[in-house]
Amino acid sequence: MRATVRDVANLAGVSPKTVSNVINGVVPVRPETRARVEAALAELDYVPNMSARGLRNGRSGNIALALPDLSTAYSAELARWFVELAHERGWAIQLEQTGSDPHREVELVSRARTHLIDGLVLNPTQLAMSVVQAASELPPTVVIGEVAPPHGIDQVHVDSVAAARDMTAHLLATGHRRIAVVGGSDARFRAATSVLREQGYRAALDAAGVPVDPSLNVAPHEWSAAAAAEAFGAFLDRIDDLPDAVFCFTDSMAIGVLHELACRGIRAPAQISVVGFDGIAESAYAQPALTTVAFSKRAIADAALTALERRIADPYAPSSDIVIPYELVHRDSVAPRR
């Protein structure tokens, strides 16, 4: 038979209210009392009745995190921190993969309206296709990534324009002039992240007086290592001269490009420099180790959950725009050009 709060209270020699205070973590409890209650919770293998709790306060204790593609290393690292930090706040995380499909976002909103989840963390790729454009109908929601949400929705993101500008400027400062990009936009793929990183890339070229060459834009059909390797291979087949460098808009795509170069016997960075974006753990173990734009996934998760916590407590709180700092991590995949 499932243990109750009263069973725990009797075993610990405290009131049921004290047990609730320990479980919920809202009201401070003396350390020695907390220790007795936690020991009783463990001995009785107590599991909170979330359904009953939800009926009392209108909340489920669950939030949803929706990412476009859970198969990427970036998504895995980000999801890990969301799960860990949500657990510290007493929340359970439901992971969802939207596949850039706005219909899946609509399903999440429907669940929130039936109190199955208390709030959403969304990573849409395009605002025009996303449910976040209907701000007045949304439950507590935080947007992560570059898609700027309507007024009243919190956002957590990296300044992609500035970061891409800085990375391109670094390549220019080390003598590279013909810089290809992998992950740029075309008629098939035009995501907010791609557009902003292209803006930064073009801004750096313009500041250096280097003309933009549209033929150096490589646009895979999706942002994955396999798609990048395929698209970059087709790019190599149609050009006469190698570019000086390749700026990949994710580390996963950069790893795909490095693989394609190795398969063709093209040495990086001796013949061509390669850089990425995201600072995933695997980037340090690429061959050669990848120069990248790095930022803390923990900081993104913490900022988003803090904003969501505030939004759940006060739906009318002013919206926030939280920018996570980044840094250029210099590794072996870049060699100066003379």
Protein backbone atom coordinates (compact mmCIF):
# COMPACT_ATOMS: atom_id res chain seq x y z
CA MET A 1 0.00 0.00 0.00
CA ARG A 2 1.29 3.44 -0.95
CA ALA A 3 2.65 5.50 1.98
CA THR A 4 0.93 8.80 2.78
CA VAL A 5 2.15 12.09 4.19
CA ARG A 6 0.59 11.10 7.51
CA ASP A 7 2.56 7.83 7.53
CA VAL A 8 5.78 9.79 7.00
CA ALA A 9 4.80 12.29 9.71
CA ASN A 10 4.12 9.51 12.24
CA LEU A 11 7.44 7.81 11.55
CA ALA A 12 9.42 11.08 11.74
CA GLY A 13 7.53 12.36 14.80
CA VAL A 14 6.41 15.58 13.12
CA SER A 15 3.20 17.04 11.78
CA PRO A 16 1.94 16.36 8.23
CA LYS A 17 2.40 20.06 7.55
CA THR A 18 6.12 19.78 8.34
CA VAL A 19 6.42 16.85 5.93
CA SER A 20 4.74 18.94 3.23
CA ASN A 21 7.15 21.80 3.90
CA VAL A 22 10.12 19.47 3.45
CA ILE A 23 8.70 17.98 0.23
CA ASN A 24 7.74 21.29 -1.34
CA GLY A 25 10.81 23.21 -0.18
CA VAL A 26 8.86 26.45 0.25
CA VAL A 27 8.92 26.95 4.03
CA PRO A 28 12.31 26.62 5.82
CA VAL A 29 12.62 23.59 8.12
CA ARG A 30 15.33 23.08 10.77
CA PRO A 31 18.15 20.84 9.47
CA GLU A 32 17.67 18.16 12.14
CA THR A 33 13.92 18.00 11.47
CA ARG A 34 14.49 17.89 7.71
CA ALA A 35 16.94 15.01 8.20
CA ARG A 36 14.34 12.98 10.16
CA VAL A 37 11.66 13.61 7.55
CA GLU A 38 13.96 12.73 4.64
CA ALA A 39 14.97 9.51 6.41
CA ALA A 40 11.30 8.62 6.87
CA LEU A 41 10.56 9.43 3.21
CA ALA A 42 13.34 7.09 2.13
CA GLU A 43 12.36 4.29 4.54
CA LEU A 44 8.72 4.35 3.41
CA ASP A 45 9.66 4.85 -0.28
CA TYR A 46 7.23 7.76 -0.32
CA VAL A 47 6.10 8.99 -3.76
CA PRO A 48 4.22 12.33 -3.89
CA ASN A 49 0.70 12.16 -5.28
CA MET A 50 1.14 14.65 -8.12
CA SER A 51 -2.46 14.29 -9.28
CA ALA A 52 -3.79 15.31 -5.89
CA ARG A 53 -1.30 18.15 -5.67
CA GLY A 54 -2.38 19.36 -9.11
CA LEU A 55 -6.02 19.39 -8.07
CA ARG A 56 -5.15 21.57 -5.05
CA ASN A 57 -2.96 24.18 -6.76
CA GLY A 58 -3.92 23.81 -10.40
CA ARG A 59 -0.43 22.67 -11.39
CA SER A 60 0.94 19.34 -12.52
CA GLY A 61 4.62 19.82 -11.68
CA ASN A 62 5.45 19.03 -15.31
CA ILE A 63 6.87 21.30 -18.00
CA ALA A 64 7.57 20.55 -21.65
CA LEU A 65 10.82 21.21 -23.51
CA ALA A 66 10.37 21.12 -27.29
CA LEU A 67 13.46 21.06 -29.52
CA PRO A 68 13.51 20.74 -33.31
CA ASP A 69 15.82 17.70 -33.45
CA LEU A 70 16.71 15.60 -30.41
CA SER A 71 19.28 13.57 -32.36
CA THR A 72 21.88 16.36 -32.43
CA ALA A 73 24.68 16.64 -29.89
CA TYR A 74 23.67 20.23 -29.17
CA SER A 75 20.11 19.19 -28.28
CA ALA A 76 21.38 16.36 -26.09
CA GLU A 77 23.66 18.69 -24.10
CA LEU A 78 20.93 21.29 -23.75
CA ALA A 79 18.27 18.77 -22.73
CA ARG A 80 20.59 17.30 -20.10
CA TRP A 81 20.88 20.62 -18.32
CA PHE A 82 17.15 21.29 -18.54
CA VAL A 83 16.40 17.93 -16.92
CA GLU A 84 18.99 18.41 -14.17
CA LEU A 85 18.01 21.99 -13.28
CA ALA A 86 14.29 21.31 -13.53
CA HIS A 87 14.73 18.42 -11.09
CA GLU A 88 16.37 20.81 -8.62
CA ARG A 89 13.25 22.99 -8.87
CA GLY A 90 10.92 20.03 -8.26
CA TRP A 91 9.74 19.86 -11.88
CA ALA A 92 9.56 16.93 -14.25
CA ILE A 93 10.50 17.52 -17.90
CA GLN A 94 8.63 16.14 -20.90
CA LEU A 95 10.96 16.14 -23.90
CA GLU A 96 9.36 16.72 -27.27
CA GLN A 97 10.73 16.84 -30.80
CA THR A 98 8.92 19.29 -33.04
CA GLY A 99 10.86 18.58 -36.23
CA SER A 100 10.17 22.26 -37.03
CA ASP A 101 6.50 21.24 -37.30
CA PRO A 102 4.16 23.91 -35.84
CA HIS A 103 1.40 21.31 -35.43
CA ARG A 104 3.42 19.61 -32.70
CA GLU A 105 3.70 22.93 -30.87
CA VAL A 106 -0.09 23.24 -31.03
CA GLU A 107 -0.41 19.81 -29.39
CA LEU A 108 1.78 20.98 -26.51
CA VAL A 109 -0.36 24.08 -26.02
CA SER A 110 -3.47 21.87 -25.90
CA ARG A 111 -1.90 19.76 -23.17
CA ALA A 112 -1.07 22.85 -21.16
CA ARG A 113 -4.66 24.01 -21.36
CA THR A 114 -5.83 20.72 -19.83
CA HIS A 115 -3.29 21.17 -16.98
CA LEU A 116 -1.11 18.26 -18.07
CA ILE A 117 1.87 20.62 -18.18
CA ASP A 118 2.43 23.93 -16.38
CA GLY A 119 4.58 25.66 -18.97
CA LEU A 120 6.53 25.36 -22.21
CA VAL A 121 10.08 25.94 -23.32
CA LEU A 122 10.06 26.15 -27.11
CA ASN A 123 12.87 26.35 -29.66
CA PRO A 124 11.05 27.32 -32.87
CA THR A 125 13.03 27.78 -36.07
CA GLN A 126 10.69 30.25 -37.77
CA LEU A 127 8.26 32.62 -36.06
CA ALA A 128 5.85 32.75 -39.00
CA MET A 129 5.25 28.99 -38.67
CA SER A 130 5.31 28.83 -34.87
CA VAL A 131 2.50 28.78 -32.34
CA VAL A 132 4.31 31.54 -30.40
CA GLN A 133 2.88 34.15 -32.74
CA ALA A 134 -0.47 33.63 -30.96
CA ALA A 135 0.90 35.04 -27.70
CA SER A 136 -2.46 35.75 -26.10
CA GLU A 137 -3.45 32.08 -26.25
CA LEU A 138 -0.30 30.58 -24.85
CA PRO A 139 0.33 29.10 -21.39
CA PRO A 140 3.48 30.29 -19.58
CA THR A 141 6.11 30.04 -22.32
CA VAL A 142 9.80 30.77 -22.80
CA VAL A 143 11.44 30.79 -26.22
CA ILE A 144 15.07 29.74 -26.55
CA GLY A 145 16.97 30.48 -29.72
CA GLU A 146 17.02 33.25 -32.25
CA VAL A 147 13.34 33.52 -33.20
CA ALA A 148 12.18 36.76 -31.57
CA PRO A 149 8.83 36.11 -29.84
CA PRO A 150 5.92 38.57 -29.55
CA HIS A 151 5.65 40.91 -26.58
CA GLY A 152 4.87 39.12 -23.34
CA ILE A 153 6.96 36.01 -24.00
CA ASP A 154 10.41 35.59 -22.46
CA GLN A 155 13.40 34.79 -24.65
CA VAL A 156 16.84 33.28 -23.94
CA HIS A 157 19.42 33.25 -26.72
CA VAL A 158 22.97 33.88 -27.89
CA ASP A 159 23.69 36.92 -30.04
CA SER A 160 24.20 35.00 -33.27
CA VAL A 161 24.90 38.10 -35.35
CA ALA A 162 27.73 39.26 -33.08
CA ALA A 163 29.15 35.75 -32.63
CA ALA A 164 29.20 35.02 -36.37
CA ARG A 165 30.72 38.43 -37.04
CA ASP A 166 33.48 37.77 -34.49
CA MET A 167 34.26 34.31 -35.88
CA THR A 168 34.40 35.61 -39.45
CA ALA A 169 36.57 38.52 -38.31
CA HIS A 170 38.95 36.01 -36.70
CA LEU A 171 39.28 34.13 -39.98
CA LEU A 172 39.87 37.38 -41.84
CA ALA A 173 42.49 38.47 -39.29
CA THR A 174 44.38 35.20 -39.87
CA GLY A 175 44.60 35.84 -43.59
CA HIS A 176 41.54 34.03 -44.94
CA ARG A 177 39.63 35.82 -47.70
CA ARG A 178 37.52 33.25 -49.54
CA ILE A 179 35.37 32.01 -46.65
CA ALA A 180 32.59 29.55 -47.44
CA VAL A 181 29.61 29.08 -45.13
CA VAL A 182 27.81 25.80 -44.48
CA GLY A 183 24.28 26.25 -43.16
CA GLY A 184 23.34 29.32 -45.14
CA SER A 185 19.83 29.95 -46.40
CA ASP A 186 18.33 29.06 -49.76
CA ALA A 187 14.83 28.48 -51.15
CA ARG A 188 14.53 25.17 -49.25
CA PHE A 189 15.88 26.20 -45.86
CA ARG A 190 15.53 29.63 -44.28
CA ALA A 191 15.61 29.49 -40.49
CA ALA A 192 16.05 32.46 -38.18
CA THR A 193 19.39 31.14 -36.92
CA SER A 194 20.73 30.82 -40.46
CA VAL A 195 19.63 34.33 -41.39
CA LEU A 196 21.21 35.93 -38.32
CA ARG A 197 24.51 34.08 -38.63
CA GLU A 198 24.67 35.05 -42.28
CA GLN A 199 24.16 38.67 -41.24
CA GLY A 200 27.14 38.48 -38.90
CA TYR A 201 29.27 36.78 -41.56
CA ARG A 202 28.39 39.42 -44.16
CA ALA A 203 28.97 42.26 -41.70
CA ALA A 204 32.51 41.08 -41.00
CA LEU A 205 33.28 40.73 -44.71
CA ASP A 206 31.88 44.20 -45.39
CA ALA A 207 33.94 45.74 -42.57
CA ALA A 208 37.09 44.18 -44.08
CA GLY A 209 36.22 45.30 -47.61
CA VAL A 210 35.84 41.70 -48.82
CA PRO A 211 32.95 41.20 -51.26
CA VAL A 212 30.36 38.51 -50.52
CA ASP A 213 30.57 35.64 -52.99
CA PRO A 214 27.18 33.88 -53.27
CA SER A 215 28.86 30.81 -54.77
CA LEU A 216 30.49 30.15 -51.38
CA ASN A 217 27.11 29.58 -49.69
CA VAL A 218 26.45 25.89 -48.97
CA ALA A 219 22.90 25.15 -47.80
CA PRO A 220 22.28 21.56 -46.58
CA HIS A 221 18.66 20.43 -46.50
CA GLU A 222 19.01 19.98 -42.73
CA TRP A 223 21.58 20.92 -40.08
CA SER A 224 23.21 17.55 -39.51
CA ALA A 225 26.68 16.10 -40.02
CA ALA A 226 25.47 13.79 -42.79
CA ALA A 227 23.59 16.49 -44.69
CA ALA A 228 26.52 18.89 -44.37
CA ALA A 229 28.98 16.29 -45.66
CA GLU A 230 26.72 15.57 -48.63
CA ALA A 231 26.14 19.24 -49.48
CA PHE A 232 29.79 20.16 -49.02
CA GLY A 233 30.86 17.25 -51.21
CA ALA A 234 28.58 18.51 -53.99
CA PHE A 235 30.07 21.99 -53.47
CA LEU A 236 33.61 20.65 -53.86
CA ASP A 237 32.61 18.82 -57.05
CA ARG A 238 31.46 22.03 -58.74
CA ILE A 239 34.30 24.42 -57.78
CA ASP A 240 37.76 24.76 -59.27
CA ASP A 241 39.62 26.19 -56.27
CA LEU A 242 39.27 25.43 -52.58
CA PRO A 243 38.10 28.30 -50.37
CA ASP A 244 40.53 29.44 -47.69
CA ALA A 245 38.16 28.51 -44.87
CA VAL A 246 34.73 27.10 -44.09
CA PHE A 247 32.49 28.59 -41.42
CA CYS A 248 29.91 25.97 -40.41
CA PHE A 249 26.88 27.30 -38.55
CA THR A 250 26.90 24.32 -36.15
CA ASP A 251 29.65 22.08 -34.83
CA SER A 252 27.79 19.00 -36.08
CA MET A 253 27.92 20.33 -39.62
CA ALA A 254 31.60 21.17 -39.16
CA ILE A 255 32.29 17.56 -38.15
CA GLY A 256 30.51 16.45 -41.33
CA VAL A 257 32.65 18.82 -43.40
CA LEU A 258 35.87 17.57 -41.76
CA HIS A 259 34.81 14.02 -42.58
CA GLU A 260 34.22 14.89 -46.24
CA LEU A 261 37.58 16.64 -46.49
CA ALA A 262 39.36 13.64 -44.96
CA CYS A 263 37.63 11.26 -47.37
CA ARG A 264 38.97 13.34 -50.29
CA GLY A 265 42.47 13.62 -48.89
CA ILE A 266 42.16 17.37 -48.33
CA ARG A 267 44.12 18.36 -45.21
CA ALA A 268 42.60 20.66 -42.60
CA PRO A 269 43.88 23.15 -41.64
CA ALA A 270 46.92 22.95 -43.97
CA GLN A 271 44.80 23.37 -47.09
CA ILE A 272 41.56 24.73 -45.64
CA SER A 273 40.53 25.98 -42.19
CA VAL A 274 37.24 24.86 -40.66
CA VAL A 275 35.29 26.47 -37.81
CA GLY A 276 31.97 25.73 -36.12
CA PHE A 277 29.37 27.13 -33.77
CA ASP A 278 27.82 25.80 -30.50
CA GLY A 279 30.84 24.51 -28.56
CA ILE A 280 29.55 20.95 -28.21
CA ALA A 281 31.77 18.57 -26.25
CA GLU A 282 32.57 16.52 -29.36
CA SER A 283 34.15 19.54 -31.06
CA ALA A 284 37.25 19.17 -28.88
CA TYR A 285 37.72 15.59 -30.11
CA ALA A 286 37.28 16.22 -33.84
CA GLN A 287 40.31 15.73 -36.10
CA PRO A 288 41.62 18.37 -36.01
CA ALA A 289 40.13 19.79 -32.82
CA LEU A 290 37.53 22.34 -33.87
CA THR A 291 37.68 26.09 -33.41
CA THR A 292 34.15 27.12 -32.42
CA VAL A 293 31.79 29.66 -30.89
CA ALA A 294 31.12 28.28 -27.42
CA PHE A 295 28.56 29.16 -24.76
CA SER A 296 27.12 27.55 -21.67
CA LYS A 297 24.14 25.26 -22.23
CA ARG A 298 23.70 25.22 -18.47
CA ALA A 299 23.32 29.00 -18.49
CA ILE A 300 20.64 28.75 -21.20
CA ALA A 301 18.68 26.14 -19.25
CA ASP A 302 19.00 28.00 -15.95
CA ALA A 303 17.91 31.33 -17.45
CA ALA A 304 14.97 29.74 -19.28
CA LEU A 305 13.71 27.84 -16.23
CA THR A 306 14.10 30.92 -14.03
CA ALA A 307 12.08 32.95 -16.53
CA LEU A 308 9.44 30.23 -16.75
CA GLU A 309 9.22 29.96 -12.97
CA ARG A 310 8.58 33.70 -12.79
CA ARG A 311 6.05 33.56 -15.63
CA ILE A 312 4.09 30.74 -13.96
CA ALA A 313 3.97 32.69 -10.69
CA ASP A 314 3.02 35.96 -12.41
CA PRO A 315 1.59 35.65 -15.94
CA TYR A 316 1.62 39.45 -16.28
CA ALA A 317 5.27 40.02 -15.34
CA PRO A 318 7.27 42.10 -17.85
CA SER A 319 8.86 39.99 -20.56
CA SER A 320 12.61 39.46 -20.49
CA ASP A 321 15.23 39.12 -23.23
CA ILE A 322 18.22 37.26 -21.78
CA VAL A 323 21.40 37.13 -23.86
CA ILE A 324 23.88 34.38 -22.96
CA PRO A 325 27.56 35.32 -23.40
CA TYR A 326 29.75 33.45 -25.86
CA GLU A 327 33.47 33.06 -26.56
CA LEU A 328 35.65 31.97 -29.45
CA VAL A 329 37.49 28.78 -28.55
CA HIS A 330 40.66 28.55 -30.63
CA ARG A 331 41.83 25.05 -31.54
CA ASP A 332 43.78 23.28 -34.27
CA SER A 333 41.32 23.53 -37.17
CA VAL A 334 42.50 27.03 -38.18
CA ALA A 335 45.90 27.83 -39.68
CA PRO A 336 46.98 31.34 -40.76
CA ARG A 337 47.07 32.10 -44.48
CA ARG A 338 49.75 34.27 -46.05
